[in-house]
Amino acid sequence: MAEIKYEITEKIAILSKSGSWTKELNKVSWNDRPAKYDLRDWNHDAGKIGKGTTLTEDEIQHLKETLNAIKL
Protein backbone atom coordinates (compact mmCIF):
# COMPACT_ATOMS: atom_id res chain seq x y z
CA MET A 1 0.00 0.00 0.00
CA ALA A 2 1.35 3.42 -0.95
CA GLU A 3 2.32 5.80 1.82
CA ILE A 4 -0.09 8.68 2.36
CA LYS A 5 1.65 12.05 2.56
CA TYR A 6 0.02 14.91 4.44
CA GLU A 7 0.81 18.34 5.81
CA ILE A 8 -1.35 20.25 8.27
CA THR A 9 -1.17 23.74 6.82
CA GLU A 10 -3.46 25.39 9.39
CA LYS A 11 -4.64 24.21 12.79
CA ILE A 12 -8.13 25.58 13.34
CA ALA A 13 -9.63 23.86 16.41
CA ILE A 14 -9.48 20.87 18.71
CA LEU A 15 -13.12 19.89 19.18
CA SER A 16 -12.66 17.11 21.74
CA LYS A 17 -10.06 14.93 23.42
CA SER A 18 -10.27 11.29 24.49
CA GLY A 19 -7.09 9.87 25.96
CA SER A 20 -4.31 10.54 23.46
CA TRP A 21 -6.76 11.08 20.58
CA THR A 22 -8.13 14.48 19.53
CA LYS A 23 -10.91 15.35 17.08
CA GLU A 24 -9.64 18.31 15.08
CA LEU A 25 -10.66 20.71 12.35
CA ASN A 26 -7.60 21.64 10.29
CA LYS A 27 -6.62 22.56 6.77
CA VAL A 28 -4.63 19.63 5.38
CA SER A 29 -2.81 19.03 2.13
CA TRP A 30 -3.00 15.35 1.18
CA ASN A 31 -0.41 13.96 -1.27
CA ASP A 32 0.82 17.45 -2.26
CA ARG A 33 -2.65 18.56 -3.38
CA PRO A 34 -4.17 21.92 -2.38
CA ALA A 35 -5.22 22.01 1.29
CA LYS A 36 -8.85 21.35 2.19
CA TYR A 37 -10.74 21.59 5.45
CA ASP A 38 -10.33 18.31 7.28
CA LEU A 39 -12.30 16.94 10.24
CA ARG A 40 -10.90 13.75 11.80
CA ASP A 41 -9.36 12.03 14.82
CA TRP A 42 -5.61 12.35 15.36
CA ASN A 43 -3.13 10.70 17.71
CA HIS A 44 -0.09 12.86 17.03
CA ASP A 45 2.07 11.12 19.67
CA ALA A 46 1.66 7.72 18.00
CA GLY A 47 1.60 9.12 14.46
CA LYS A 48 -1.87 7.69 13.84
CA ILE A 49 -4.70 9.20 11.83
CA GLY A 50 -8.34 8.21 12.28
CA LYS A 51 -11.14 8.20 9.76
CA GLY A 52 -12.48 11.58 8.81
CA THR A 53 -13.70 13.76 6.00
CA THR A 54 -12.37 16.59 3.87
CA LEU A 55 -14.43 19.57 2.79
CA THR A 56 -13.93 22.15 0.05
CA GLU A 57 -14.40 25.89 0.67
CA ASP A 58 -17.96 25.66 -0.73
CA GLU A 59 -18.80 22.64 1.44
CA ILE A 60 -17.46 24.22 4.65
CA GLN A 61 -19.41 27.43 3.86
CA HIS A 62 -22.61 25.43 3.37
CA LEU A 63 -21.94 23.50 6.60
CA LYS A 64 -21.42 26.78 8.48
CA GLU A 65 -24.72 28.17 7.16
CA THR A 66 -26.50 24.92 8.07
CA LEU A 67 -25.08 24.89 11.59
CA ASN A 68 -25.97 28.54 12.10
CA ALA A 69 -29.58 27.72 11.18
CA ILE A 70 -29.87 24.91 13.75
CA LYS A 71 -31.50 25.91 17.00
CA LEU A 72 -29.51 24.32 19.83
C-alpha atoms as a PDB file:
ATOM      1  CA  MET A   1       0.000   0.000   0.000  1.00  0.00           C
ATOM      2  CA  ALA A   2       1.346   3.423  -0.950  1.00  0.00           C
ATOM      3  CA  GLU A   3       2.319   5.802   1.815  1.00  0.00           C
ATOM      4  CA  ILE A   4      -0.090   8.684   2.357  1.00  0.00           C
ATOM      5  CA  LYS A   5       1.653  12.045   2.559  1.00  0.00           C
ATOM      6  CA  TYR A   6       0.017  14.913   4.437  1.00  0.00           C
ATOM      7  CA  GLU A   7       0.806  18.338   5.806  1.00  0.00           C
ATOM      8  CA  ILE A   8      -1.355  20.246   8.270  1.00  0.00           C
ATOM      9  CA  THR A   9      -1.169  23.744   6.817  1.00  0.00           C
ATOM     10  CA  GLU A  10      -3.463  25.394   9.389  1.00  0.00           C
ATOM     11  CA  LYS A  11      -4.643  24.211  12.794  1.00  0.00           C
ATOM     12  CA  ILE A  12      -8.129  25.583  13.343  1.00  0.00           C
ATOM     13  CA  ALA A  13      -9.635  23.863  16.408  1.00  0.00           C
ATOM     14  CA  ILE A  14      -9.479  20.869  18.707  1.00  0.00           C
ATOM     15  CA  LEU A  15     -13.118  19.888  19.179  1.00  0.00           C
ATOM     16  CA  SER A  16     -12.655  17.110  21.740  1.00  0.00           C
ATOM     17  CA  LYS A  17     -10.062  14.933  23.419  1.00  0.00           C
ATOM     18  CA  SER A  18     -10.267  11.290  24.493  1.00  0.00           C
ATOM     19  CA  GLY A  19      -7.086   9.866  25.956  1.00  0.00           C
ATOM     20  CA  SER A  20      -4.310  10.537  23.462  1.00  0.00           C
ATOM     21  CA  TRP A  21      -6.762  11.080  20.575  1.00  0.00           C
ATOM     22  CA  THR A  22      -8.127  14.476  19.529  1.00  0.00           C
ATOM     23  CA  LYS A  23     -10.910  15.353  17.085  1.00  0.00           C
ATOM     24  CA  GLU A  24      -9.641  18.308  15.085  1.00  0.00           C
ATOM     25  CA  LEU A  25     -10.657  20.709  12.352  1.00  0.00           C
ATOM     26  CA  ASN A  26      -7.605  21.636  10.290  1.00  0.00           C
ATOM     27  CA  LYS A  27      -6.615  22.558   6.765  1.00  0.00           C
ATOM     28  CA  VAL A  28      -4.634  19.628   5.382  1.00  0.00           C
ATOM     29  CA  SER A  29      -2.808  19.034   2.125  1.00  0.00           C
ATOM     30  CA  TRP A  30      -3.002  15.345   1.175  1.00  0.00           C
ATOM     31  CA  ASN A  31      -0.411  13.961  -1.270  1.00  0.00           C
ATOM     32  CA  ASP A  32       0.820  17.453  -2.260  1.00  0.00           C
ATOM     33  CA  ARG A  33      -2.651  18.556  -3.379  1.00  0.00           C
ATOM     34  CA  PRO A  34      -4.173  21.922  -2.384  1.00  0.00           C
ATOM     35  CA  ALA A  35      -5.217  22.007   1.286  1.00  0.00           C
ATOM     36  CA  LYS A  36      -8.853  21.351   2.185  1.00  0.00           C
ATOM     37  CA  TYR A  37     -10.745  21.586   5.455  1.00  0.00           C
ATOM     38  CA  ASP A  38     -10.330  18.312   7.283  1.00  0.00           C
ATOM     39  CA  LEU A  39     -12.300  16.937  10.237  1.00  0.00           C
ATOM     40  CA  ARG A  40     -10.898  13.751  11.799  1.00  0.00           C
ATOM     41  CA  ASP A  41      -9.358  12.029  14.823  1.00  0.00           C
ATOM     42  CA  TRP A  42      -5.609  12.349  15.358  1.00  0.00           C
ATOM     43  CA  ASN A  43      -3.133  10.702  17.707  1.00  0.00           C
ATOM     44  CA  HIS A  44      -0.089  12.864  17.034  1.00  0.00           C
ATOM     45  CA  ASP A  45       2.067  11.123  19.672  1.00  0.00           C
ATOM     46  CA  ALA A  46       1.659   7.717  18.000  1.00  0.00           C
ATOM     47  CA  GLY A  47       1.605   9.121  14.459  1.00  0.00           C
ATOM     48  CA  LYS A  48      -1.873   7.693  13.844  1.00  0.00           C
ATOM     49  CA  ILE A  49      -4.696   9.197  11.825  1.00  0.00           C
ATOM     50  CA  GLY A  50      -8.344   8.206  12.284  1.00  0.00           C
ATOM     51  CA  LYS A  51     -11.138   8.200   9.758  1.00  0.00           C
ATOM     52  CA  GLY A  52     -12.478  11.579   8.808  1.00  0.00           C
ATOM     53  CA  THR A  53     -13.699  13.758   6.000  1.00  0.00           C
ATOM     54  CA  THR A  54     -12.367  16.588   3.873  1.00  0.00           C
ATOM     55  CA  LEU A  55     -14.430  19.566   2.794  1.00  0.00           C
ATOM     56  CA  THR A  56     -13.935  22.147   0.054  1.00  0.00           C
ATOM     57  CA  GLU A  57     -14.403  25.890   0.674  1.00  0.00           C
ATOM     58  CA  ASP A  58     -17.957  25.655  -0.726  1.00  0.00           C
ATOM     59  CA  GLU A  59     -18.804  22.639   1.445  1.00  0.00           C
ATOM     60  CA  ILE A  60     -17.464  24.221   4.652  1.00  0.00           C
ATOM     61  CA  GLN A  61     -19.408  27.427   3.860  1.00  0.00           C
ATOM     62  CA  HIS A  62     -22.607  25.431   3.366  1.00  0.00           C
ATOM     63  CA  LEU A  63     -21.935  23.502   6.596  1.00  0.00           C
ATOM     64  CA  LYS A  64     -21.423  26.783   8.476  1.00  0.00           C
ATOM     65  CA  GLU A  65     -24.716  28.172   7.162  1.00  0.00           C
ATOM     66  CA  THR A  66     -26.498  24.920   8.065  1.00  0.00           C
ATOM     67  CA  LEU A  67     -25.080  24.888  11.594  1.00  0.00           C
ATOM     68  CA  ASN A  68     -25.975  28.543  12.105  1.00  0.00           C
ATOM     69  CA  ALA A  69     -29.580  27.720  11.178  1.00  0.00           C
ATOM     70  CA  ILE A  70     -29.871  24.908  13.746  1.00  0.00           C
ATOM     71  CA  LYS A  71     -31.499  25.911  16.999  1.00  0.00           C
ATOM     72  CA  LEU A  72     -29.513  24.321  19.830  1.00  0.00           C
END
